Amino acid sequence: MASVDPTPYPTWLAQEERQADRLAVVWPATISSMKFDAEACSISDITHLGCRIMLTHRVTVGTYVTIDMPQLTKLEGWIAWNREHEVGVEFSHPLPVDVLSDIELRMQAGPPH
């Protein structure tokens, strides 16, 4: 008799298709979780659905994180993938269009410090 895993595998873990165009950025931020203290990181691209973050250690796929973008917003989501010193975050709620537009305008004026 075959056993059935009662917990379905999250569909977002297997997704490779891009669902939104990425905006290349260089945005300093902090990332934190119930599993680790806040640490400095850098957002390297962002969409309304998620972002890519450069950081110093690996974070387990599925970890719920908070990303603080100083002077702009706080975001929450799950680690969808990790490679070396970068992770992909899928936001728990889509980023509002006006916030994404504001990020794009600020990047055109020069990256934040």
PDB file of N, CA and C in Angstrom:
ATOM      1  N   MET A   1       0.839  -1.168   0.000  1.00  0.00           N
ATOM      2  CA  MET A   1       0.000   0.000   0.000  1.00  0.00           C
ATOM      3  C   MET A   1       0.890   1.238   0.000  1.00  0.00           C
ATOM      4  N   ALA A   2       0.632   2.164  -0.916  1.00  0.00           N
ATOM      5  CA  ALA A   2       1.419   3.385  -1.034  1.00  0.00           C
ATOM      6  C   ALA A   2       0.980   4.392   0.015  1.00  0.00           C
ATOM      7  N   SER A   3       1.952   5.060   0.620  1.00  0.00           N
ATOM      8  CA  SER A   3       1.602   6.100   1.583  1.00  0.00           C
ATOM      9  C   SER A   3       1.427   7.427   0.845  1.00  0.00           C
ATOM     10  N   VAL A   4       0.573   8.241   1.369  1.00  0.00           N
ATOM     11  CA  VAL A   4       0.290   9.544   0.767  1.00  0.00           C
ATOM     12  C   VAL A   4       0.706  10.614   1.758  1.00  0.00           C
ATOM     13  N   ASP A   5       1.502  11.558   1.304  1.00  0.00           N
ATOM     14  CA  ASP A   5       1.912  12.668   2.144  1.00  0.00           C
ATOM     15  C   ASP A   5       0.721  13.617   2.286  1.00  0.00           C
ATOM     16  N   PRO A   6       0.229  13.833   3.512  1.00  0.00           N
ATOM     17  CA  PRO A   6      -0.950  14.678   3.692  1.00  0.00           C
ATOM     18  C   PRO A   6      -0.670  16.158   3.454  1.00  0.00           C
ATOM     19  N   THR A   7       0.588  16.566   3.472  1.00  0.00           N
ATOM     20  CA  THR A   7       0.931  17.955   3.255  1.00  0.00           C
ATOM     21  C   THR A   7       1.314  18.167   1.801  1.00  0.00           C
ATOM     22  N   PRO A   8       0.496  18.885   1.042  1.00  0.00           N
ATOM     23  CA  PRO A   8       0.834  19.104  -0.369  1.00  0.00           C
ATOM     24  C   PRO A   8       2.100  19.940  -0.508  1.00  0.00           C
ATOM     25  N   TYR A   9       2.904  19.618  -1.491  1.00  0.00           N
ATOM     26  CA  TYR A   9       4.118  20.366  -1.802  1.00  0.00           C
ATOM     27  C   TYR A   9       3.707  21.733  -2.352  1.00  0.00           C
ATOM     28  N   PRO A  10       4.184  22.825  -1.765  1.00  0.00           N
ATOM     29  CA  PRO A  10       3.774  24.157  -2.241  1.00  0.00           C
ATOM     30  C   PRO A  10       4.095  24.341  -3.721  1.00  0.00           C
ATOM     31  N   THR A  11       3.129  24.759  -4.486  1.00  0.00           N
ATOM     32  CA  THR A  11       3.320  24.909  -5.925  1.00  0.00           C
ATOM     33  C   THR A  11       4.369  25.956  -6.249  1.00  0.00           C
ATOM     34  N   TRP A  12       4.505  26.988  -5.402  1.00  0.00           N
ATOM     35  CA  TRP A  12       5.464  28.046  -5.713  1.00  0.00           C
ATOM     36  C   TRP A  12       6.905  27.568  -5.622  1.00  0.00           C
ATOM     37  N   LEU A  13       7.168  26.478  -4.912  1.00  0.00           N
ATOM     38  CA  LEU A  13       8.537  25.970  -4.827  1.00  0.00           C
ATOM     39  C   LEU A  13       9.016  25.409  -6.161  1.00  0.00           C
ATOM     40  N   ALA A  14       8.105  24.959  -6.989  1.00  0.00           N
ATOM     41  CA  ALA A  14       8.484  24.331  -8.249  1.00  0.00           C
ATOM     42  C   ALA A  14       8.406  25.292  -9.432  1.00  0.00           C
ATOM     43  N   GLN A  15       7.937  26.503  -9.227  1.00  0.00           N
ATOM     44  CA  GLN A  15       7.763  27.428 -10.334  1.00  0.00           C
ATOM     45  C   GLN A  15       9.089  27.963 -10.839  1.00  0.00           C
ATOM     46  N   GLU A  16       9.267  27.932 -12.113  1.00  0.00           N
ATOM     47  CA  GLU A  16      10.429  28.514 -12.757  1.00  0.00           C
ATOM     48  C   GLU A  16      10.020  29.630 -13.708  1.00  0.00           C
ATOM     49  N   GLU A  17       8.762  29.659 -14.099  1.00  0.00           N
ATOM     50  CA  GLU A  17       8.308  30.666 -15.049  1.00  0.00           C
ATOM     51  C   GLU A  17       8.231  32.024 -14.368  1.00  0.00           C
ATOM     52  N   ARG A  18       8.733  33.024 -15.032  1.00  0.00           N
ATOM     53  CA  ARG A  18       8.630  34.378 -14.518  1.00  0.00           C
ATOM     54  C   ARG A  18       7.211  34.874 -14.749  1.00  0.00           C
ATOM     55  N   GLN A  19       6.598  35.430 -13.711  1.00  0.00           N
ATOM     56  CA  GLN A  19       5.241  35.929 -13.826  1.00  0.00           C
ATOM     57  C   GLN A  19       5.206  37.445 -13.939  1.00  0.00           C
ATOM     58  N   ALA A  20       6.350  38.082 -13.828  1.00  0.00           N
ATOM     59  CA  ALA A  20       6.404  39.541 -13.891  1.00  0.00           C
ATOM     60  C   ALA A  20       7.796  39.967 -14.348  1.00  0.00           C
ATOM     61  N   ASP A  21       7.870  41.114 -15.021  1.00  0.00           N
ATOM     62  CA  ASP A  21       9.160  41.664 -15.427  1.00  0.00           C
ATOM     63  C   ASP A  21       9.902  42.164 -14.192  1.00  0.00           C
ATOM     64  N   ARG A  22      11.199  41.874 -14.150  1.00  0.00           N
ATOM     65  CA  ARG A  22      12.020  42.293 -13.020  1.00  0.00           C
ATOM     66  C   ARG A  22      12.595  43.685 -13.248  1.00  0.00           C
ATOM     67  N   LEU A  23      12.625  44.463 -12.184  1.00  0.00           N
ATOM     68  CA  LEU A  23      13.241  45.777 -12.187  1.00  0.00           C
ATOM     69  C   LEU A  23      14.590  45.640 -11.487  1.00  0.00           C
ATOM     70  N   ALA A  24      15.679  45.880 -12.225  1.00  0.00           N
ATOM     71  CA  ALA A  24      17.019  45.802 -11.630  1.00  0.00           C
ATOM     72  C   ALA A  24      17.208  46.984 -10.678  1.00  0.00           C
ATOM     73  N   VAL A  25      17.652  46.698  -9.469  1.00  0.00           N
ATOM     74  CA  VAL A  25      17.875  47.727  -8.459  1.00  0.00           C
ATOM     75  C   VAL A  25      19.143  47.400  -7.682  1.00  0.00           C
ATOM     76  N   VAL A  26      19.612  48.361  -6.940  1.00  0.00           N
ATOM     77  CA  VAL A  26      20.642  48.152  -5.925  1.00  0.00           C
ATOM     78  C   VAL A  26      20.105  48.882  -4.708  1.00  0.00           C
ATOM     79  N   TRP A  27      19.433  48.125  -3.825  1.00  0.00           N
ATOM     80  CA  TRP A  27      18.739  48.756  -2.718  1.00  0.00           C
ATOM     81  C   TRP A  27      19.159  48.112  -1.398  1.00  0.00           C
ATOM     82  N   PRO A  28      19.833  48.876  -0.523  1.00  0.00           N
ATOM     83  CA  PRO A  28      20.208  48.318   0.777  1.00  0.00           C
ATOM     84  C   PRO A  28      18.958  48.078   1.620  1.00  0.00           C
ATOM     85  N   ALA A  29      18.962  46.980   2.349  1.00  0.00           N
ATOM     86  CA  ALA A  29      17.813  46.615   3.175  1.00  0.00           C
ATOM     87  C   ALA A  29      18.302  45.746   4.320  1.00  0.00           C
ATOM     88  N   THR A  30      17.373  45.328   5.158  1.00  0.00           N
ATOM     89  CA  THR A  30      17.676  44.308   6.159  1.00  0.00           C
ATOM     90  C   THR A  30      16.660  43.188   5.993  1.00  0.00           C
ATOM     91  N   ILE A  31      17.091  41.980   6.317  1.00  0.00           N
ATOM     92  CA  ILE A  31      16.223  40.812   6.252  1.00  0.00           C
ATOM     93  C   ILE A  31      16.261  40.140   7.616  1.00  0.00           C
ATOM     94  N   SER A  32      15.100  39.687   8.083  1.00  0.00           N
ATOM     95  CA  SER A  32      15.030  39.013   9.375  1.00  0.00           C
ATOM     96  C   SER A  32      13.948  37.944   9.334  1.00  0.00           C
ATOM     97  N   SER A  33      13.974  37.088  10.353  1.00  0.00           N
ATOM     98  CA  SER A  33      13.036  35.978  10.440  1.00  0.00           C
ATOM     99  C   SER A  33      12.953  35.545  11.896  1.00  0.00           C
ATOM    100  N   MET A  34      11.983  34.707  12.190  1.00  0.00           N
ATOM    101  CA  MET A  34      11.928  34.094  13.520  1.00  0.00           C
ATOM    102  C   MET A  34      13.146  33.193  13.729  1.00  0.00           C
ATOM    103  N   LYS A  35      13.792  32.766  12.621  1.00  0.00           N
ATOM    104  CA  LYS A  35      14.922  31.843  12.694  1.00  0.00           C
ATOM    105  C   LYS A  35      16.273  32.543  12.807  1.00  0.00           C
ATOM    106  N   PHE A  36      16.337  33.841  12.485  1.00  0.00           N
ATOM    107  CA  PHE A  36      17.608  34.562  12.570  1.00  0.00           C
ATOM    108  C   PHE A  36      17.363  36.052  12.773  1.00  0.00           C
ATOM    109  N   ASP A  37      18.357  36.718  13.371  1.00  0.00           N
ATOM    110  CA  ASP A  37      18.263  38.156  13.623  1.00  0.00           C
ATOM    111  C   ASP A  37      18.414  38.939  12.327  1.00  0.00           C
ATOM    112  N   ALA A  38      18.025  40.203  12.384  1.00  0.00           N
ATOM    113  CA  ALA A  38      18.134  41.087  11.218  1.00  0.00           C
ATOM    114  C   ALA A  38      19.586  41.178  10.769  1.00  0.00           C
ATOM    115  N   GLU A  39      19.771  41.147   9.452  1.00  0.00           N
ATOM    116  CA  GLU A  39      21.099  41.334   8.885  1.00  0.00           C
ATOM    117  C   GLU A  39      20.992  42.190   7.636  1.00  0.00           C
ATOM    118  N   ALA A  40      22.060  42.912   7.362  1.00  0.00           N
ATOM    119  CA  ALA A  40      22.106  43.752   6.172  1.00  0.00           C
ATOM    120  C   ALA A  40      22.079  42.878   4.926  1.00  0.00           C
ATOM    121  N   CYS A  41      21.418  43.385   3.901  1.00  0.00           N
ATOM    122  CA  CYS A  41      21.357  42.688   2.622  1.00  0.00           C
ATOM    123  C   CYS A  41      21.181  43.731   1.526  1.00  0.00           C
ATOM    124  N   SER A  42      21.140  43.279   0.293  1.00  0.00           N
ATOM    125  CA  SER A  42      20.940  44.180  -0.833  1.00  0.00           C
ATOM    126  C   SER A  42      19.937  43.554  -1.795  1.00  0.00           C
ATOM    127  N   ILE A  43      18.898  44.309  -2.127  1.00  0.00           N
ATOM    128  CA  ILE A  43      17.926  43.834  -3.108  1.00  0.00           C
ATOM    129  C   ILE A  43      18.492  44.128  -4.483  1.00  0.00           C
ATOM    130  N   SER A  44      18.573  43.095  -5.343  1.00  0.00           N
ATOM    131  CA  SER A  44      19.182  43.289  -6.664  1.00  0.00           C
ATOM    132  C   SER A  44      18.164  43.320  -7.794  1.00  0.00           C
ATOM    133  N   ASP A  45      16.980  42.777  -7.575  1.00  0.00           N
ATOM    134  CA  ASP A  45      15.884  42.999  -8.515  1.00  0.00           C
ATOM    135  C   ASP A  45      14.565  42.780  -7.788  1.00  0.00           C
ATOM    136  N   ILE A  46      13.510  43.377  -8.335  1.00  0.00           N
ATOM    137  CA  ILE A  46      12.217  43.354  -7.655  1.00  0.00           C
ATOM    138  C   ILE A  46      11.087  43.389  -8.672  1.00  0.00           C
ATOM    139  N   THR A  47       9.989  42.737  -8.347  1.00  0.00           N
ATOM    140  CA  THR A  47       8.744  42.809  -9.107  1.00  0.00           C
ATOM    141  C   THR A  47       7.632  43.014  -8.086  1.00  0.00           C
ATOM    142  N   HIS A  48       6.403  43.085  -8.546  1.00  0.00           N
ATOM    143  CA  HIS A  48       5.303  43.207  -7.595  1.00  0.00           C
ATOM    144  C   HIS A  48       5.055  41.885  -6.857  1.00  0.00           C
ATOM    145  N   LEU A  49       5.659  40.789  -7.329  1.00  0.00           N
ATOM    146  CA  LEU A  49       5.450  39.473  -6.727  1.00  0.00           C
ATOM    147  C   LEU A  49       6.593  39.016  -5.822  1.00  0.00           C
ATOM    148  N   GLY A  50       7.796  39.579  -6.000  1.00  0.00           N
ATOM    149  CA  GLY A  50       8.924  39.130  -5.203  1.00  0.00           C
ATOM    150  C   GLY A  50      10.198  39.870  -5.536  1.00  0.00           C
ATOM    151  N   CYS A  51      11.306  39.395  -4.959  1.00  0.00           N
ATOM    152  CA  CYS A  51      12.591  40.053  -5.196  1.00  0.00           C
ATOM    153  C   CYS A  51      13.731  39.062  -5.029  1.00  0.00           C
ATOM    154  N   ARG A  52      14.902  39.480  -5.514  1.00  0.00           N
ATOM    155  CA  ARG A  52      16.151  38.733  -5.327  1.00  0.00           C
ATOM    156  C   ARG A  52      16.986  39.535  -4.341  1.00  0.00           C
ATOM    157  N   ILE A  53      17.544  38.830  -3.368  1.00  0.00           N
ATOM    158  CA  ILE A  53      18.315  39.482  -2.309  1.00  0.00           C
ATOM    159  C   ILE A  53      19.687  38.841  -2.210  1.00  0.00           C
ATOM    160  N   MET A  54      20.699  39.675  -2.082  1.00  0.00           N
ATOM    161  CA  MET A  54      22.064  39.234  -1.834  1.00  0.00           C
ATOM    162  C   MET A  54      22.304  39.340  -0.326  1.00  0.00           C
ATOM    163  N   LEU A  55      22.824  38.257   0.291  1.00  0.00           N
ATOM    164  CA  LEU A  55      23.105  38.273   1.712  1.00  0.00           C
ATOM    165  C   LEU A  55      24.281  37.369   2.023  1.00  0.00           C
ATOM    166  N   THR A  56      24.681  37.320   3.289  1.00  0.00           N
ATOM    167  CA  THR A  56      25.924  36.624   3.639  1.00  0.00           C
ATOM    168  C   THR A  56      25.763  35.152   3.961  1.00  0.00           C
ATOM    169  N   HIS A  57      24.545  34.681   4.205  1.00  0.00           N
ATOM    170  CA  HIS A  57      24.387  33.255   4.520  1.00  0.00           C
ATOM    171  C   HIS A  57      23.164  32.686   3.806  1.00  0.00           C
ATOM    172  N   ARG A  58      23.089  31.383   3.769  1.00  0.00           N
ATOM    173  CA  ARG A  58      21.942  30.705   3.138  1.00  0.00           C
ATOM    174  C   ARG A  58      20.742  30.767   4.073  1.00  0.00           C
ATOM    175  N   VAL A  59      19.577  30.867   3.461  1.00  0.00           N
ATOM    176  CA  VAL A  59      18.326  30.818   4.215  1.00  0.00           C
ATOM    177  C   VAL A  59      17.512  29.672   3.624  1.00  0.00           C
ATOM    178  N   THR A  60      16.945  28.864   4.462  1.00  0.00           N
ATOM    179  CA  THR A  60      16.197  27.692   4.048  1.00  0.00           C
ATOM    180  C   THR A  60      14.958  28.066   3.239  1.00  0.00           C
ATOM    181  N   VAL A  61      14.749  27.354   2.146  1.00  0.00           N
ATOM    182  CA  VAL A  61      13.554  27.548   1.338  1.00  0.00           C
ATOM    183  C   VAL A  61      12.327  27.322   2.218  1.00  0.00           C
ATOM    184  N   GLY A  62      11.353  28.210   2.096  1.00  0.00           N
ATOM    185  CA  GLY A  62      10.132  28.133   2.892  1.00  0.00           C
ATOM    186  C   GLY A  62      10.144  29.007   4.122  1.00  0.00           C
ATOM    187  N   THR A  63      11.313  29.561   4.487  1.00  0.00           N
ATOM    188  CA  THR A  63      11.403  30.435   5.656  1.00  0.00           C
ATOM    189  C   THR A  63      10.623  31.720   5.405  1.00  0.00           C
ATOM    190  N   TYR A  64       9.806  32.128   6.377  1.00  0.00           N
ATOM    191  CA  TYR A  64       9.055  33.377   6.282  1.00  0.00           C
ATOM    192  C   TYR A  64       9.963  34.499   6.755  1.00  0.00           C
ATOM    193  N   VAL A  65      10.116  35.546   5.954  1.00  0.00           N
ATOM    194  CA  VAL A  65      11.051  36.630   6.260  1.00  0.00           C
ATOM    195  C   VAL A  65      10.364  37.995   6.184  1.00  0.00           C
ATOM    196  N   THR A  66      10.993  38.959   6.840  1.00  0.00           N
ATOM    197  CA  THR A  66      10.601  40.364   6.756  1.00  0.00           C
ATOM    198  C   THR A  66      11.770  41.124   6.151  1.00  0.00           C
ATOM    199  N   ILE A  67      11.481  41.945   5.164  1.00  0.00           N
ATOM    200  CA  ILE A  67      12.495  42.744   4.496  1.00  0.00           C
ATOM    201  C   ILE A  67      12.166  44.208   4.761  1.00  0.00           C
ATOM    202  N   ASP A  68      13.113  44.921   5.341  1.00  0.00           N
ATOM    203  CA  ASP A  68      12.913  46.334   5.640  1.00  0.00           C
ATOM    204  C   ASP A  68      13.698  47.162   4.626  1.00  0.00           C
ATOM    205  N   MET A  69      12.978  47.918   3.813  1.00  0.00           N
ATOM    206  CA  MET A  69      13.593  48.843   2.863  1.00  0.00           C
ATOM    207  C   MET A  69      13.490  50.232   3.496  1.00  0.00           C
ATOM    208  N   PRO A  70      14.565  50.702   4.152  1.00  0.00           N
ATOM    209  CA  PRO A  70      14.504  51.965   4.883  1.00  0.00           C
ATOM    210  C   PRO A  70      13.955  53.104   4.025  1.00  0.00           C
ATOM    211  N   GLN A  71      13.174  53.941   4.664  1.00  0.00           N
ATOM    212  CA  GLN A  71      12.579  55.123   4.037  1.00  0.00           C
ATOM    213  C   GLN A  71      11.590  54.762   2.931  1.00  0.00           C
ATOM    214  N   LEU A  72      11.142  53.500   2.892  1.00  0.00           N
ATOM    215  CA  LEU A  72      10.201  53.127   1.841  1.00  0.00           C
ATOM    216  C   LEU A  72       9.106  52.208   2.359  1.00  0.00           C
ATOM    217  N   THR A  73       9.437  50.963   2.694  1.00  0.00           N
ATOM    218  CA  THR A  73       8.405  50.009   3.097  1.00  0.00           C
ATOM    219  C   THR A  73       9.015  48.792   3.772  1.00  0.00           C
ATOM    220  N   LYS A  74       8.169  48.008   4.406  1.00  0.00           N
ATOM    221  CA  LYS A  74       8.536  46.686   4.920  1.00  0.00           C
ATOM    222  C   LYS A  74       7.746  45.672   4.129  1.00  0.00           C
ATOM    223  N   LEU A  75       8.407  44.588   3.751  1.00  0.00           N
ATOM    224  CA  LEU A  75       7.790  43.531   2.958  1.00  0.00           C
ATOM    225  C   LEU A  75       7.904  42.216   3.710  1.00  0.00           C
ATOM    226  N   GLU A  76       6.965  41.318   3.480  1.00  0.00           N
ATOM    227  CA  GLU A  76       7.032  39.993   4.074  1.00  0.00           C
ATOM    228  C   GLU A  76       6.805  38.951   2.991  1.00  0.00           C
ATOM    229  N   GLY A  77       7.411  37.793   3.173  1.00  0.00           N
ATOM    230  CA  GLY A  77       7.233  36.726   2.204  1.00  0.00           C
ATOM    231  C   GLY A  77       8.047  35.498   2.573  1.00  0.00           C
ATOM    232  N   TRP A  78       8.079  34.555   1.645  1.00  0.00           N
ATOM    233  CA  TRP A  78       8.755  33.279   1.844  1.00  0.00           C
ATOM    234  C   TRP A  78       9.967  33.164   0.933  1.00  0.00           C
ATOM    235  N   ILE A  79      10.992  32.505   1.427  1.00  0.00           N
ATOM    236  CA  ILE A  79      12.148  32.198   0.590  1.00  0.00           C
ATOM    237  C   ILE A  79      11.704  31.123  -0.403  1.00  0.00           C
ATOM    238  N   ALA A  80      11.753  31.451  -1.689  1.00  0.00           N
ATOM    239  CA  ALA A  80      11.311  30.525  -2.739  1.00  0.00           C
ATOM    240  C   ALA A  80      12.471  29.708  -3.294  1.00  0.00           C
ATOM    241  N   TRP A  81      13.685  30.244  -3.250  1.00  0.00           N
ATOM    242  CA  TRP A  81      14.873  29.529  -3.714  1.00  0.00           C
ATOM    243  C   TRP A  81      16.102  30.152  -3.076  1.00  0.00           C
ATOM    244  N   ASN A  82      17.209  29.424  -3.073  1.00  0.00           N
ATOM    245  CA  ASN A  82      18.478  29.982  -2.593  1.00  0.00           C
ATOM    246  C   ASN A  82      19.624  29.422  -3.406  1.00  0.00           C
ATOM    247  N   ARG A  83      20.617  30.252  -3.617  1.00  0.00           N
ATOM    248  CA  ARG A  83      21.859  29.888  -4.312  1.00  0.00           C
ATOM    249  C   ARG A  83      22.986  30.678  -3.674  1.00  0.00           C
ATOM    250  N   GLU A  84      23.967  29.955  -3.158  1.00  0.00           N
ATOM    251  CA  GLU A  84      25.136  30.615  -2.561  1.00  0.00           C
ATOM    252  C   GLU A  84      24.695  31.758  -1.648  1.00  0.00           C
ATOM    253  N   HIS A  85      24.976  33.012  -2.060  1.00  0.00           N
ATOM    254  CA  HIS A  85      24.676  34.170  -1.220  1.00  0.00           C
ATOM    255  C   HIS A  85      23.532  35.008  -1.780  1.00  0.00           C
ATOM    256  N   GLU A  86      22.571  34.358  -2.422  1.00  0.00           N
ATOM    257  CA  GLU A  86      21.391  35.081  -2.883  1.00  0.00           C
ATOM    258  C   GLU A  86      20.160  34.208  -2.691  1.00  0.00           C
ATOM    259  N   VAL A  87      19.027  34.877  -2.479  1.00  0.00           N
ATOM    260  CA  VAL A  87      17.757  34.177  -2.292  1.00  0.00           C
ATOM    261  C   VAL A  87      16.680  34.879  -3.100  1.00  0.00           C
ATOM    262  N   GLY A  88      15.655  34.134  -3.429  1.00  0.00           N
ATOM    263  CA  GLY A  88      14.465  34.699  -4.045  1.00  0.00           C
ATOM    264  C   GLY A  88      13.347  34.701  -3.026  1.00  0.00           C
ATOM    265  N   VAL A  89      12.649  35.816  -2.922  1.00  0.00           N
ATOM    266  CA  VAL A  89      11.548  35.950  -1.972  1.00  0.00           C
ATOM    267  C   VAL A  89      10.250  36.135  -2.748  1.00  0.00           C
ATOM    268  N   GLU A  90       9.249  35.344  -2.399  1.00  0.00           N
ATOM    269  CA  GLU A  90       7.908  35.545  -2.937  1.00  0.00           C
ATOM    270  C   GLU A  90       7.124  36.295  -1.874  1.00  0.00           C
ATOM    271  N   PHE A  91       6.630  37.488  -2.212  1.00  0.00           N
ATOM    272  CA  PHE A  91       5.919  38.314  -1.244  1.00  0.00           C
ATOM    273  C   PHE A  91       4.609  37.662  -0.811  1.00  0.00           C
ATOM    274  N   SER A  92       4.249  37.877   0.448  1.00  0.00           N
ATOM    275  CA  SER A  92       2.983  37.355   0.956  1.00  0.00           C
ATOM    276  C   SER A  92       1.801  38.103   0.358  1.00  0.00           C
ATOM    277  N   HIS A  93       2.022  39.362  -0.013  1.00  0.00           N
ATOM    278  CA  HIS A  93       1.011  40.183  -0.682  1.00  0.00           C
ATOM    279  C   HIS A  93       1.703  40.918  -1.816  1.00  0.00           C
ATOM    280  N   PRO A  94       1.090  40.988  -2.980  1.00  0.00           N
ATOM    281  CA  PRO A  94       1.733  41.702  -4.094  1.00  0.00           C
ATOM    282  C   PRO A  94       2.064  43.146  -3.710  1.00  0.00           C
ATOM    283  N   LEU A  95       3.204  43.599  -4.174  1.00  0.00           N
ATOM    284  CA  LEU A  95       3.641  44.966  -3.940  1.00  0.00           C
ATOM    285  C   LEU A  95       2.740  45.913  -4.722  1.00  0.00           C
ATOM    286  N   PRO A  96       2.169  46.927  -4.071  1.00  0.00           N
ATOM    287  CA  PRO A  96       1.312  47.868  -4.804  1.00  0.00           C
ATOM    288  C   PRO A  96       2.076  48.546  -5.941  1.00  0.00           C
ATOM    289  N   VAL A  97       1.391  48.788  -7.034  1.00  0.00           N
ATOM    290  CA  VAL A  97       1.994  49.377  -8.220  1.00  0.00           C
ATOM    291  C   VAL A  97       2.654  50.717  -7.891  1.00  0.00           C
ATOM    292  N   ASP A  98       2.035  51.532  -7.033  1.00  0.00           N
ATOM    293  CA  ASP A  98       2.613  52.832  -6.711  1.00  0.00           C
ATOM    294  C   ASP A  98       3.938  52.701  -5.956  1.00  0.00           C
ATOM    295  N   VAL A  99       4.087  51.661  -5.129  1.00  0.00           N
ATOM    296  CA  VAL A  99       5.356  51.445  -4.423  1.00  0.00           C
ATOM    297  C   VAL A  99       6.435  51.022  -5.418  1.00  0.00           C
ATOM    298  N   LEU A 100       6.097  50.115  -6.327  1.00  0.00           N
ATOM    299  CA  LEU A 100       7.058  49.689  -7.345  1.00  0.00           C
ATOM    300  C   LEU A 100       7.458  50.863  -8.231  1.00  0.00           C
ATOM    301  N   SER A 101       6.506  51.704  -8.577  1.00  0.00           N
ATOM    302  CA  SER A 101       6.801  52.898  -9.386  1.00  0.00           C
ATOM    303  C   SER A 101       7.719  53.850  -8.624  1.00  0.00           C
ATOM    304  N   ASP A 102       7.481  54.007  -7.322  1.00  0.00           N
ATOM    305  CA  ASP A 102       8.323  54.865  -6.497  1.00  0.00           C
ATOM    306  C   ASP A 102       9.751  54.337  -6.448  1.00  0.00           C
ATOM    307  N   ILE A 103       9.911  53.015  -6.315  1.00  0.00           N
ATOM    308  CA  ILE A 103      11.247  52.402  -6.315  1.00  0.00           C
ATOM    309  C   ILE A 103      11.951  52.710  -7.633  1.00  0.00           C
ATOM    310  N   GLU A 104      11.234  52.563  -8.748  1.00  0.00           N
ATOM    311  CA  GLU A 104      11.823  52.826 -10.058  1.00  0.00           C
ATOM    312  C   GLU A 104      12.251  54.288 -10.187  1.00  0.00           C
ATOM    313  N   LEU A 105      11.422  55.215  -9.741  1.00  0.00           N
ATOM    314  CA  LEU A 105      11.777  56.645  -9.796  1.00  0.00           C
ATOM    315  C   LEU A 105      12.991  56.949  -8.931  1.00  0.00           C
ATOM    316  N   ARG A 106      13.030  56.376  -7.743  1.00  0.00           N
ATOM    317  CA  ARG A 106      14.169  56.606  -6.846  1.00  0.00           C
ATOM    318  C   ARG A 106      15.464  56.031  -7.423  1.00  0.00           C
ATOM    319  N   MET A 107      15.370  54.873  -8.088  1.00  0.00           N
ATOM    320  CA  MET A 107      16.561  54.280  -8.705  1.00  0.00           C
ATOM    321  C   MET A 107      17.078  55.143  -9.852  1.00  0.00           C
ATOM    322  N   GLN A 108      16.182  55.778 -10.593  1.00  0.00           N
ATOM    323  CA  GLN A 108      16.603  56.674 -11.683  1.00  0.00           C
ATOM    324  C   GLN A 108      17.349  57.873 -11.129  1.00  0.00           C
ATOM    325  N   ALA A 109      17.020  58.283  -9.907  1.00  0.00           N
ATOM    326  CA  ALA A 109      17.692  59.412  -9.263  1.00  0.00           C
ATOM    327  C   ALA A 109      19.022  58.985  -8.628  1.00  0.00           C
ATOM    328  N   GLY A 110      19.273  57.688  -8.564  1.00  0.00           N
ATOM    329  CA  GLY A 110      20.499  57.162  -7.956  1.00  0.00           C
ATOM    330  C   GLY A 110      20.149  56.255  -6.799  1.00  0.00           C
ATOM    331  N   PRO A 111      20.937  55.197  -6.600  1.00  0.00           N
ATOM    332  CA  PRO A 111      20.632  54.240  -5.532  1.00  0.00           C
ATOM    333  C   PRO A 111      20.691  54.885  -4.146  1.00  0.00           C
ATOM    334  N   PRO A 112      19.870  54.418  -3.217  1.00  0.00           N
ATOM    335  CA  PRO A 112      19.898  54.939  -1.857  1.00  0.00           C
ATOM    336  C   PRO A 112      21.195  54.536  -1.151  1.00  0.00           C
ATOM    337  N   HIS A 113      21.530  55.245  -0.100  1.00  0.00           N
ATOM    338  CA  HIS A 113      22.771  54.967   0.656  1.00  0.00           C
ATOM    339  C   HIS A 113      22.457  54.301   1.948  1.00  0.00           C
TER     340      HIS A 113
END
